[in-house]
Each structure stands twice: as structure tokens, then as C-alpha cells.
Amino acid sequence: MDTARFRTKLLTRREELVQQMSEWEAELDETPSPDFADRATEREDDEVLEDLGLAAQRELRAIDAALGRIEDGEYGICTRCGEAISEARLEAVPTAALCRNCAR
């Protein structure tokens, strides 16, 4: 298996997430509007951004774990049963730690 290709894919996605999170953080730090109606809309938007940020943090942890498995030479091996994870599954979910059977 070409782990270098998966490593590049994971690092690229990680960089995208970090950039997006930085943009969301800047948006969350903006000064609230003095208008009450606008502030209500901004608060709703902030809640969405916070949820997106939490999802991005979970994805970052999964990416870091996958990169760790690459470094340890364990990438593509199911962490539960020890069987190989199919390359097709890794293409679809590069952070996959479980084979298809164990993920069910």
C-alpha cells in the first residue's frame, strides 16, 4: 500500500481544516452588531460555527491518529481485529481505524 499518498492526503485535509477553523475563529471574534435583530442572527450563526468547529476538532484528532499509525507502520491495519483495511475503504475514509467488518 502507498502510505505516502495517504499521508499526503491526510496532511492536505489537516491543513484545510486548520485554515477553516482559523477563519471560523476570526468570525466568532468579530464585534457583535449593535442592532438587536442582527445580534440574534449572529448568535445563531455563531452556534453553527461552534458546532462546525467541534466536528473539525474531532476530524483533526482522527487525522492525527491516522498519521500516527502511518508513522508506526500500522496504517491500514484494523485496530480491533488486526486484519487489513481495504484500500477502497481507506480511499473513502482515510482516517479509518477499523476494517469494514469491525466498523459495523
PDB file of N, CA and C in Angstrom:
ATOM      1  N   MET A   1       0.839  -1.175   0.000  1.00  0.00           N
ATOM      2  CA  MET A   1       0.000   0.000   0.000  1.00  0.00           C
ATOM      3  C   MET A   1       0.893   1.249   0.000  1.00  0.00           C
ATOM      4  N   ASP A   2       0.434   2.255  -0.721  1.00  0.00           N
ATOM      5  CA  ASP A   2       1.182   3.504  -0.848  1.00  0.00           C
ATOM      6  C   ASP A   2       0.813   4.452   0.307  1.00  0.00           C
ATOM      7  N   THR A   3       1.444   4.251   1.464  1.00  0.00           N
ATOM      8  CA  THR A   3       1.104   5.084   2.623  1.00  0.00           C
ATOM      9  C   THR A   3       1.524   6.538   2.412  1.00  0.00           C
ATOM     10  N   ALA A   4       2.518   6.782   1.567  1.00  0.00           N
ATOM     11  CA  ALA A   4       2.948   8.162   1.313  1.00  0.00           C
ATOM     12  C   ALA A   4       1.806   8.965   0.688  1.00  0.00           C
ATOM     13  N   ARG A   5       1.062   8.333  -0.188  1.00  0.00           N
ATOM     14  CA  ARG A   5      -0.073   9.005  -0.830  1.00  0.00           C
ATOM     15  C   ARG A   5      -1.152   9.325   0.205  1.00  0.00           C
ATOM     16  N   PHE A   6      -1.439   8.370   1.095  1.00  0.00           N
ATOM     17  CA  PHE A   6      -2.431   8.610   2.131  1.00  0.00           C
ATOM     18  C   PHE A   6      -1.946   9.678   3.116  1.00  0.00           C
ATOM     19  N   ARG A   7      -0.661   9.661   3.412  1.00  0.00           N
ATOM     20  CA  ARG A   7      -0.086  10.661   4.314  1.00  0.00           C
ATOM     21  C   ARG A   7      -0.276  12.056   3.723  1.00  0.00           C
ATOM     22  N   THR A   8       0.014  12.199   2.434  1.00  0.00           N
ATOM     23  CA  THR A   8      -0.164  13.480   1.755  1.00  0.00           C
ATOM     24  C   THR A   8      -1.627  13.907   1.787  1.00  0.00           C
ATOM     25  N   LYS A   9      -2.512  12.970   1.527  1.00  0.00           N
ATOM     26  CA  LYS A   9      -3.947  13.254   1.539  1.00  0.00           C
ATOM     27  C   LYS A   9      -4.392  13.714   2.936  1.00  0.00           C
ATOM     28  N   LEU A  10      -3.925  13.033   3.964  1.00  0.00           N
ATOM     29  CA  LEU A  10      -4.288  13.382   5.337  1.00  0.00           C
ATOM     30  C   LEU A  10      -3.711  14.747   5.730  1.00  0.00           C
ATOM     31  N   LEU A  11      -2.472  15.001   5.370  1.00  0.00           N
ATOM     32  CA  LEU A  11      -1.850  16.286   5.697  1.00  0.00           C
ATOM     33  C   LEU A  11      -2.546  17.442   4.986  1.00  0.00           C
ATOM     34  N   THR A  12      -2.952  17.218   3.740  1.00  0.00           N
ATOM     35  CA  THR A  12      -3.665  18.248   2.986  1.00  0.00           C
ATOM     36  C   THR A  12      -4.997  18.563   3.659  1.00  0.00           C
ATOM     37  N   ARG A  13      -5.723  17.518   4.030  1.00  0.00           N
ATOM     38  CA  ARG A  13      -7.012  17.723   4.701  1.00  0.00           C
ATOM     39  C   ARG A  13      -6.814  18.417   6.048  1.00  0.00           C
ATOM     40  N   ARG A  14      -5.751  18.036   6.752  1.00  0.00           N
ATOM     41  CA  ARG A  14      -5.464  18.655   8.054  1.00  0.00           C
ATOM     42  C   ARG A  14      -5.223  20.149   7.885  1.00  0.00           C
ATOM     43  N   GLU A  15      -4.441  20.505   6.881  1.00  0.00           N
ATOM     44  CA  GLU A  15      -4.151  21.910   6.604  1.00  0.00           C
ATOM     45  C   GLU A  15      -5.433  22.675   6.272  1.00  0.00           C
ATOM     46  N   GLU A  16      -6.310  22.064   5.469  1.00  0.00           N
ATOM     47  CA  GLU A  16      -7.584  22.690   5.118  1.00  0.00           C
ATOM     48  C   GLU A  16      -8.422  22.946   6.371  1.00  0.00           C
ATOM     49  N   LEU A  17      -8.488  21.958   7.252  1.00  0.00           N
ATOM     50  CA  LEU A  17      -9.271  22.098   8.477  1.00  0.00           C
ATOM     51  C   LEU A  17      -8.722  23.193   9.378  1.00  0.00           C
ATOM     52  N   VAL A  18      -7.410  23.223   9.543  1.00  0.00           N
ATOM     53  CA  VAL A  18      -6.790  24.238  10.396  1.00  0.00           C
ATOM     54  C   VAL A  18      -7.089  25.630   9.844  1.00  0.00           C
ATOM     55  N   GLN A  19      -6.987  25.795   8.538  1.00  0.00           N
ATOM     56  CA  GLN A  19      -7.277  27.081   7.899  1.00  0.00           C
ATOM     57  C   GLN A  19      -8.740  27.461   8.112  1.00  0.00           C
ATOM     58  N   GLN A  20      -9.645  26.498   7.890  1.00  0.00           N
ATOM     59  CA  GLN A  20     -11.068  26.774   8.052  1.00  0.00           C
ATOM     60  C   GLN A  20     -11.397  27.134   9.502  1.00  0.00           C
ATOM     61  N   MET A  21     -10.805  26.404  10.434  1.00  0.00           N
ATOM     62  CA  MET A  21     -11.044  26.691  11.852  1.00  0.00           C
ATOM     63  C   MET A  21     -10.544  28.084  12.227  1.00  0.00           C
ATOM     64  N   SER A  22      -9.435  28.493  11.653  1.00  0.00           N
ATOM     65  CA  SER A  22      -8.897  29.829  11.903  1.00  0.00           C
ATOM     66  C   SER A  22      -9.874  30.893  11.395  1.00  0.00           C
ATOM     67  N   GLU A  23     -10.452  30.654  10.231  1.00  0.00           N
ATOM     68  CA  GLU A  23     -11.432  31.593   9.683  1.00  0.00           C
ATOM     69  C   GLU A  23     -12.681  31.648  10.552  1.00  0.00           C
ATOM     70  N   TRP A  24     -13.135  30.494  11.021  1.00  0.00           N
ATOM     71  CA  TRP A  24     -14.313  30.465  11.894  1.00  0.00           C
ATOM     72  C   TRP A  24     -14.031  31.195  13.194  1.00  0.00           C
ATOM     73  N   GLU A  25     -12.838  30.978  13.742  1.00  0.00           N
ATOM     74  CA  GLU A  25     -12.463  31.634  14.993  1.00  0.00           C
ATOM     75  C   GLU A  25     -12.462  33.154  14.819  1.00  0.00           C
ATOM     76  N   ALA A  26     -11.934  33.628  13.698  1.00  0.00           N
ATOM     77  CA  ALA A  26     -11.920  35.068  13.429  1.00  0.00           C
ATOM     78  C   ALA A  26     -13.345  35.605  13.325  1.00  0.00           C
ATOM     79  N   GLU A  27     -14.202  34.834  12.702  1.00  0.00           N
ATOM     80  CA  GLU A  27     -15.597  35.248  12.570  1.00  0.00           C
ATOM     81  C   GLU A  27     -16.288  35.295  13.934  1.00  0.00           C
ATOM     82  N   LEU A  28     -15.981  34.313  14.778  1.00  0.00           N
ATOM     83  CA  LEU A  28     -16.572  34.290  16.117  1.00  0.00           C
ATOM     84  C   LEU A  28     -16.088  35.457  16.977  1.00  0.00           C
ATOM     85  N   ASP A  29     -14.874  35.936  16.695  1.00  0.00           N
ATOM     86  CA  ASP A  29     -14.282  37.025  17.469  1.00  0.00           C
ATOM     87  C   ASP A  29     -14.734  38.415  17.014  1.00  0.00           C
ATOM     88  N   GLU A  30     -15.501  38.481  15.928  1.00  0.00           N
ATOM     89  CA  GLU A  30     -15.949  39.783  15.433  1.00  0.00           C
ATOM     90  C   GLU A  30     -16.833  40.473  16.467  1.00  0.00           C
ATOM     91  N   THR A  31     -16.777  41.794  16.472  1.00  0.00           N
ATOM     92  CA  THR A  31     -17.587  42.592  17.379  1.00  0.00           C
ATOM     93  C   THR A  31     -19.060  42.434  17.008  1.00  0.00           C
ATOM     94  N   PRO A  32     -19.902  42.141  18.004  1.00  0.00           N
ATOM     95  CA  PRO A  32     -21.326  41.973  17.710  1.00  0.00           C
ATOM     96  C   PRO A  32     -21.960  43.258  17.179  1.00  0.00           C
ATOM     97  N   SER A  33     -22.970  43.081  16.383  1.00  0.00           N
ATOM     98  CA  SER A  33     -23.710  44.217  15.836  1.00  0.00           C
ATOM     99  C   SER A  33     -24.476  44.917  16.954  1.00  0.00           C
ATOM    100  N   PRO A  34     -24.602  46.239  16.884  1.00  0.00           N
ATOM    101  CA  PRO A  34     -25.389  46.944  17.906  1.00  0.00           C
ATOM    102  C   PRO A  34     -26.903  46.705  17.746  1.00  0.00           C
ATOM    103  N   ASP A  35     -27.305  46.247  16.579  1.00  0.00           N
ATOM    104  CA  ASP A  35     -28.721  46.003  16.320  1.00  0.00           C
ATOM    105  C   ASP A  35     -29.153  44.672  16.941  1.00  0.00           C
ATOM    106  N   PHE A  36     -30.240  44.702  17.720  1.00  0.00           N
ATOM    107  CA  PHE A  36     -30.702  43.517  18.438  1.00  0.00           C
ATOM    108  C   PHE A  36     -31.039  42.369  17.478  1.00  0.00           C
ATOM    109  N   ALA A  37     -31.755  42.655  16.401  1.00  0.00           N
ATOM    110  CA  ALA A  37     -32.152  41.609  15.454  1.00  0.00           C
ATOM    111  C   ALA A  37     -30.924  40.998  14.784  1.00  0.00           C
ATOM    112  N   ASP A  38     -29.980  41.850  14.432  1.00  0.00           N
ATOM    113  CA  ASP A  38     -28.742  41.352  13.820  1.00  0.00           C
ATOM    114  C   ASP A  38     -27.952  40.487  14.801  1.00  0.00           C
ATOM    115  N   ARG A  39     -27.942  40.905  16.077  1.00  0.00           N
ATOM    116  CA  ARG A  39     -27.225  40.122  17.092  1.00  0.00           C
ATOM    117  C   ARG A  39     -27.838  38.738  17.255  1.00  0.00           C
ATOM    118  N   ALA A  40     -29.150  38.635  17.178  1.00  0.00           N
ATOM    119  CA  ALA A  40     -29.816  37.332  17.294  1.00  0.00           C
ATOM    120  C   ALA A  40     -29.403  36.423  16.147  1.00  0.00           C
ATOM    121  N   THR A  41     -29.354  36.970  14.958  1.00  0.00           N
ATOM    122  CA  THR A  41     -28.925  36.188  13.795  1.00  0.00           C
ATOM    123  C   THR A  41     -27.458  35.793  13.925  1.00  0.00           C
ATOM    124  N   GLU A  42     -26.636  36.741  14.389  1.00  0.00           N
ATOM    125  CA  GLU A  42     -25.218  36.444  14.582  1.00  0.00           C
ATOM    126  C   GLU A  42     -25.030  35.324  15.609  1.00  0.00           C
ATOM    127  N   ARG A  43     -25.844  35.339  16.671  1.00  0.00           N
ATOM    128  CA  ARG A  43     -25.725  34.294  17.704  1.00  0.00           C
ATOM    129  C   ARG A  43     -26.061  32.926  17.123  1.00  0.00           C
ATOM    130  N   GLU A  44     -27.080  32.858  16.289  1.00  0.00           N
ATOM    131  CA  GLU A  44     -27.426  31.599  15.629  1.00  0.00           C
ATOM    132  C   GLU A  44     -26.272  31.141  14.732  1.00  0.00           C
ATOM    133  N   ASP A  45     -25.703  32.084  14.000  1.00  0.00           N
ATOM    134  CA  ASP A  45     -24.559  31.763  13.137  1.00  0.00           C
ATOM    135  C   ASP A  45     -23.374  31.274  13.975  1.00  0.00           C
ATOM    136  N   ASP A  46     -23.155  31.922  15.114  1.00  0.00           N
ATOM    137  CA  ASP A  46     -22.059  31.516  15.999  1.00  0.00           C
ATOM    138  C   ASP A  46     -22.247  30.088  16.500  1.00  0.00           C
ATOM    139  N   GLU A  47     -23.472  29.721  16.807  1.00  0.00           N
ATOM    140  CA  GLU A  47     -23.738  28.359  17.270  1.00  0.00           C
ATOM    141  C   GLU A  47     -23.407  27.344  16.184  1.00  0.00           C
ATOM    142  N   VAL A  48     -23.739  27.679  14.956  1.00  0.00           N
ATOM    143  CA  VAL A  48     -23.414  26.789  13.825  1.00  0.00           C
ATOM    144  C   VAL A  48     -21.891  26.673  13.684  1.00  0.00           C
ATOM    145  N   LEU A  49     -21.205  27.816  13.758  1.00  0.00           N
ATOM    146  CA  LEU A  49     -19.741  27.799  13.647  1.00  0.00           C
ATOM    147  C   LEU A  49     -19.104  26.990  14.769  1.00  0.00           C
ATOM    148  N   GLU A  50     -19.652  27.110  15.979  1.00  0.00           N
ATOM    149  CA  GLU A  50     -19.122  26.342  17.098  1.00  0.00           C
ATOM    150  C   GLU A  50     -19.312  24.844  16.870  1.00  0.00           C
ATOM    151  N   ASP A  51     -20.465  24.455  16.359  1.00  0.00           N
ATOM    152  CA  ASP A  51     -20.705  23.036  16.049  1.00  0.00           C
ATOM    153  C   ASP A  51     -19.759  22.543  14.961  1.00  0.00           C
ATOM    154  N   LEU A  52     -19.562  23.378  13.935  1.00  0.00           N
ATOM    155  CA  LEU A  52     -18.620  23.012  12.875  1.00  0.00           C
ATOM    156  C   LEU A  52     -17.202  22.880  13.434  1.00  0.00           C
ATOM    157  N   GLY A  53     -16.856  23.772  14.346  1.00  0.00           N
ATOM    158  CA  GLY A  53     -15.528  23.720  14.970  1.00  0.00           C
ATOM    159  C   GLY A  53     -15.329  22.441  15.766  1.00  0.00           C
ATOM    160  N   LEU A  54     -16.349  22.017  16.487  1.00  0.00           N
ATOM    161  CA  LEU A  54     -16.253  20.766  17.248  1.00  0.00           C
ATOM    162  C   LEU A  54     -16.090  19.567  16.321  1.00  0.00           C
ATOM    163  N   ALA A  55     -16.838  19.567  15.220  1.00  0.00           N
ATOM    164  CA  ALA A  55     -16.715  18.479  14.245  1.00  0.00           C
ATOM    165  C   ALA A  55     -15.319  18.486  13.623  1.00  0.00           C
ATOM    166  N   ALA A  56     -14.794  19.670  13.346  1.00  0.00           N
ATOM    167  CA  ALA A  56     -13.454  19.782  12.767  1.00  0.00           C
ATOM    168  C   ALA A  56     -12.401  19.288  13.755  1.00  0.00           C
ATOM    169  N   GLN A  57     -12.588  19.583  15.042  1.00  0.00           N
ATOM    170  CA  GLN A  57     -11.642  19.100  16.055  1.00  0.00           C
ATOM    171  C   GLN A  57     -11.647  17.579  16.120  1.00  0.00           C
ATOM    172  N   ARG A  58     -12.834  16.967  16.026  1.00  0.00           N
ATOM    173  CA  ARG A  58     -12.909  15.500  16.021  1.00  0.00           C
ATOM    174  C   ARG A  58     -12.186  14.932  14.798  1.00  0.00           C
ATOM    175  N   GLU A  59     -12.403  15.586  13.650  1.00  0.00           N
ATOM    176  CA  GLU A  59     -11.733  15.118  12.431  1.00  0.00           C
ATOM    177  C   GLU A  59     -10.219  15.287  12.543  1.00  0.00           C
ATOM    178  N   LEU A  60      -9.766  16.383  13.133  1.00  0.00           N
ATOM    179  CA  LEU A  60      -8.328  16.591  13.323  1.00  0.00           C
ATOM    180  C   LEU A  60      -7.726  15.494  14.199  1.00  0.00           C
ATOM    181  N   ARG A  61      -8.439  15.122  15.264  1.00  0.00           N
ATOM    182  CA  ARG A  61      -7.946  14.042  16.126  1.00  0.00           C
ATOM    183  C   ARG A  61      -7.855  12.732  15.346  1.00  0.00           C
ATOM    184  N   ALA A  62      -8.847  12.465  14.494  1.00  0.00           N
ATOM    185  CA  ALA A  62      -8.825  11.244  13.683  1.00  0.00           C
ATOM    186  C   ALA A  62      -7.677  11.277  12.675  1.00  0.00           C
ATOM    187  N   ILE A  63      -7.432  12.442  12.093  1.00  0.00           N
ATOM    188  CA  ILE A  63      -6.320  12.596  11.150  1.00  0.00           C
ATOM    189  C   ILE A  63      -4.996  12.382  11.869  1.00  0.00           C
ATOM    190  N   ASP A  64      -4.837  13.001  13.019  1.00  0.00           N
ATOM    191  CA  ASP A  64      -3.588  12.847  13.776  1.00  0.00           C
ATOM    192  C   ASP A  64      -3.368  11.387  14.177  1.00  0.00           C
ATOM    193  N   ALA A  65      -4.442  10.699  14.539  1.00  0.00           N
ATOM    194  CA  ALA A  65      -4.325   9.283  14.896  1.00  0.00           C
ATOM    195  C   ALA A  65      -3.903   8.460  13.676  1.00  0.00           C
ATOM    196  N   ALA A  66      -4.488   8.768  12.507  1.00  0.00           N
ATOM    197  CA  ALA A  66      -4.122   8.056  11.283  1.00  0.00           C
ATOM    198  C   ALA A  66      -2.664   8.334  10.914  1.00  0.00           C
ATOM    199  N   LEU A  67      -2.231   9.579  11.055  1.00  0.00           N
ATOM    200  CA  LEU A  67      -0.829   9.907  10.778  1.00  0.00           C
ATOM    201  C   LEU A  67       0.100   9.171  11.742  1.00  0.00           C
ATOM    202  N   GLY A  68      -0.325   9.029  12.974  1.00  0.00           N
ATOM    203  CA  GLY A  68       0.452   8.261  13.953  1.00  0.00           C
ATOM    204  C   GLY A  68       0.565   6.797  13.553  1.00  0.00           C
ATOM    205  N   ARG A  69      -0.540   6.241  13.039  1.00  0.00           N
ATOM    206  CA  ARG A  69      -0.496   4.847  12.582  1.00  0.00           C
ATOM    207  C   ARG A  69       0.434   4.697  11.386  1.00  0.00           C
ATOM    208  N   ILE A  70       0.475   5.716  10.515  1.00  0.00           N
ATOM    209  CA  ILE A  70       1.408   5.671   9.382  1.00  0.00           C
ATOM    210  C   ILE A  70       2.836   5.656   9.920  1.00  0.00           C
ATOM    211  N   GLU A  71       3.138   6.550  10.851  1.00  0.00           N
ATOM    212  CA  GLU A  71       4.488   6.626  11.429  1.00  0.00           C
ATOM    213  C   GLU A  71       4.880   5.321  12.120  1.00  0.00           C
ATOM    214  N   ASP A  72       3.906   4.681  12.760  1.00  0.00           N
ATOM    215  CA  ASP A  72       4.167   3.429  13.480  1.00  0.00           C
ATOM    216  C   ASP A  72       4.159   2.200  12.576  1.00  0.00           C
ATOM    217  N   GLY A  73       3.836   2.402  11.286  1.00  0.00           N
ATOM    218  CA  GLY A  73       3.762   1.278  10.351  1.00  0.00           C
ATOM    219  C   GLY A  73       2.517   0.427  10.540  1.00  0.00           C
ATOM    220  N   GLU A  74       1.485   1.012  11.153  1.00  0.00           N
ATOM    221  CA  GLU A  74       0.259   0.270  11.426  1.00  0.00           C
ATOM    222  C   GLU A  74      -0.934   0.773  10.634  1.00  0.00           C
ATOM    223  N   TYR A  75      -0.696   1.693   9.708  1.00  0.00           N
ATOM    224  CA  TYR A  75      -1.785   2.241   8.902  1.00  0.00           C
ATOM    225  C   TYR A  75      -2.328   1.153   7.984  1.00  0.00           C
ATOM    226  N   GLY A  76      -3.644   1.077   7.909  1.00  0.00           N
ATOM    227  CA  GLY A  76      -4.281   0.085   7.051  1.00  0.00           C
ATOM    228  C   GLY A  76      -4.500  -1.244   7.748  1.00  0.00           C
ATOM    229  N   ILE A  77      -4.204  -1.290   9.048  1.00  0.00           N
ATOM    230  CA  ILE A  77      -4.428  -2.496   9.844  1.00  0.00           C
ATOM    231  C   ILE A  77      -5.498  -2.166  10.878  1.00  0.00           C
ATOM    232  N   CYS A  78      -6.540  -2.971  10.925  1.00  0.00           N
ATOM    233  CA  CYS A  78      -7.650  -2.745  11.840  1.00  0.00           C
ATOM    234  C   CYS A  78      -7.151  -2.758  13.280  1.00  0.00           C
ATOM    235  N   THR A  79      -7.514  -1.726  14.024  1.00  0.00           N
ATOM    236  CA  THR A  79      -7.070  -1.631  15.418  1.00  0.00           C
ATOM    237  C   THR A  79      -7.836  -2.592  16.325  1.00  0.00           C
ATOM    238  N   ARG A  80      -8.913  -3.166  15.827  1.00  0.00           N
ATOM    239  CA  ARG A  80      -9.685  -4.098  16.643  1.00  0.00           C
ATOM    240  C   ARG A  80      -9.284  -5.551  16.379  1.00  0.00           C
ATOM    241  N   CYS A  81      -9.295  -5.967  15.104  1.00  0.00           N
ATOM    242  CA  CYS A  81      -9.066  -7.386  14.799  1.00  0.00           C
ATOM    243  C   CYS A  81      -7.695  -7.671  14.211  1.00  0.00           C
ATOM    244  N   GLY A  82      -6.977  -6.625  13.776  1.00  0.00           N
ATOM    245  CA  GLY A  82      -5.646  -6.817  13.212  1.00  0.00           C
ATOM    246  C   GLY A  82      -5.616  -7.195  11.746  1.00  0.00           C
ATOM    247  N   GLU A  83      -6.784  -7.298  11.116  1.00  0.00           N
ATOM    248  CA  GLU A  83      -6.841  -7.607   9.687  1.00  0.00           C
ATOM    249  C   GLU A  83      -6.588  -6.339   8.867  1.00  0.00           C
ATOM    250  N   ALA A  84      -6.265  -6.528   7.601  1.00  0.00           N
ATOM    251  CA  ALA A  84      -6.024  -5.393   6.712  1.00  0.00           C
ATOM    252  C   ALA A  84      -7.328  -4.645   6.430  1.00  0.00           C
ATOM    253  N   ILE A  85      -7.224  -3.330   6.386  1.00  0.00           N
ATOM    254  CA  ILE A  85      -8.349  -2.490   5.963  1.00  0.00           C
ATOM    255  C   ILE A  85      -8.202  -2.332   4.461  1.00  0.00           C
ATOM    256  N   SER A  86      -9.290  -2.541   3.730  1.00  0.00           N
ATOM    257  CA  SER A  86      -9.204  -2.483   2.268  1.00  0.00           C
ATOM    258  C   SER A  86      -8.781  -1.086   1.812  1.00  0.00           C
ATOM    259  N   GLU A  87      -8.050  -1.066   0.734  1.00  0.00           N
ATOM    260  CA  GLU A  87      -7.600   0.215   0.189  1.00  0.00           C
ATOM    261  C   GLU A  87      -8.794   1.049  -0.260  1.00  0.00           C
ATOM    262  N   ALA A  88      -9.844   0.393  -0.739  1.00  0.00           N
ATOM    263  CA  ALA A  88     -11.055   1.117  -1.140  1.00  0.00           C
ATOM    264  C   ALA A  88     -11.667   1.840   0.060  1.00  0.00           C
ATOM    265  N   ARG A  89     -11.679   1.179   1.219  1.00  0.00           N
ATOM    266  CA  ARG A  89     -12.208   1.821   2.431  1.00  0.00           C
ATOM    267  C   ARG A  89     -11.329   3.005   2.825  1.00  0.00           C
ATOM    268  N   LEU A  90     -10.027   2.836   2.742  1.00  0.00           N
ATOM    269  CA  LEU A  90      -9.112   3.928   3.095  1.00  0.00           C
ATOM    270  C   LEU A  90      -9.224   5.089   2.108  1.00  0.00           C
ATOM    271  N   GLU A  91      -9.520   4.785   0.859  1.00  0.00           N
ATOM    272  CA  GLU A  91      -9.747   5.859  -0.120  1.00  0.00           C
ATOM    273  C   GLU A  91     -10.968   6.670   0.282  1.00  0.00           C
ATOM    274  N   ALA A  92     -12.017   5.983   0.715  1.00  0.00           N
ATOM    275  CA  ALA A  92     -13.255   6.655   1.100  1.00  0.00           C
ATOM    276  C   ALA A  92     -13.124   7.350   2.451  1.00  0.00           C
ATOM    277  N   VAL A  93     -12.433   6.683   3.384  1.00  0.00           N
ATOM    278  CA  VAL A  93     -12.276   7.199   4.750  1.00  0.00           C
ATOM    279  C   VAL A  93     -10.812   7.035   5.146  1.00  0.00           C
ATOM    280  N   PRO A  94      -9.952   7.975   4.774  1.00  0.00           N
ATOM    281  CA  PRO A  94      -8.523   7.839   5.035  1.00  0.00           C
ATOM    282  C   PRO A  94      -8.169   7.721   6.522  1.00  0.00           C
ATOM    283  N   THR A  95      -9.078   8.149   7.388  1.00  0.00           N
ATOM    284  CA  THR A  95      -8.817   8.073   8.830  1.00  0.00           C
ATOM    285  C   THR A  95      -9.311   6.758   9.444  1.00  0.00           C
ATOM    286  N   ALA A  96      -9.824   5.859   8.624  1.00  0.00           N
ATOM    287  CA  ALA A  96     -10.410   4.616   9.134  1.00  0.00           C
ATOM    288  C   ALA A  96      -9.398   3.840   9.978  1.00  0.00           C
ATOM    289  N   ALA A  97      -9.835   3.489  11.188  1.00  0.00           N
ATOM    290  CA  ALA A  97      -9.004   2.680  12.078  1.00  0.00           C
ATOM    291  C   ALA A  97      -9.522   1.247  12.153  1.00  0.00           C
ATOM    292  N   LEU A  98     -10.752   1.050  11.640  1.00  0.00           N
ATOM    293  CA  LEU A  98     -11.385  -0.264  11.693  1.00  0.00           C
ATOM    294  C   LEU A  98     -11.669  -0.774  10.293  1.00  0.00           C
ATOM    295  N   CYS A  99     -11.564  -2.077  10.120  1.00  0.00           N
ATOM    296  CA  CYS A  99     -11.941  -2.677   8.840  1.00  0.00           C
ATOM    297  C   CYS A  99     -13.473  -2.589   8.704  1.00  0.00           C
ATOM    298  N   ARG A 100     -13.954  -2.909   7.557  1.00  0.00           N
ATOM    299  CA  ARG A 100     -15.387  -2.816   7.288  1.00  0.00           C
ATOM    300  C   ARG A 100     -16.197  -3.674   8.253  1.00  0.00           C
ATOM    301  N   ASN A 101     -15.746  -4.890   8.506  1.00  0.00           N
ATOM    302  CA  ASN A 101     -16.484  -5.790   9.384  1.00  0.00           C
ATOM    303  C   ASN A 101     -16.550  -5.273  10.816  1.00  0.00           C
ATOM    304  N   CYS A 102     -15.444  -4.782  11.331  1.00  0.00           N
ATOM    305  CA  CYS A 102     -15.408  -4.270  12.708  1.00  0.00           C
ATOM    306  C   CYS A 102     -16.154  -2.948  12.847  1.00  0.00           C
ATOM    307  N   ALA A 103     -16.244  -2.190  11.771  1.00  0.00           N
ATOM    308  CA  ALA A 103     -16.923  -0.897  11.815  1.00  0.00           C
ATOM    309  C   ALA A 103     -18.435  -1.049  11.863  1.00  0.00           C
ATOM    310  N   ARG A 104     -18.929  -2.216  11.518  1.00  0.00           N
ATOM    311  CA  ARG A 104     -20.386  -2.420  11.519  1.00  0.00           C
ATOM    312  C   ARG A 104     -20.958  -2.428  12.873  1.00  0.00           C
TER     313      ARG A 104
END
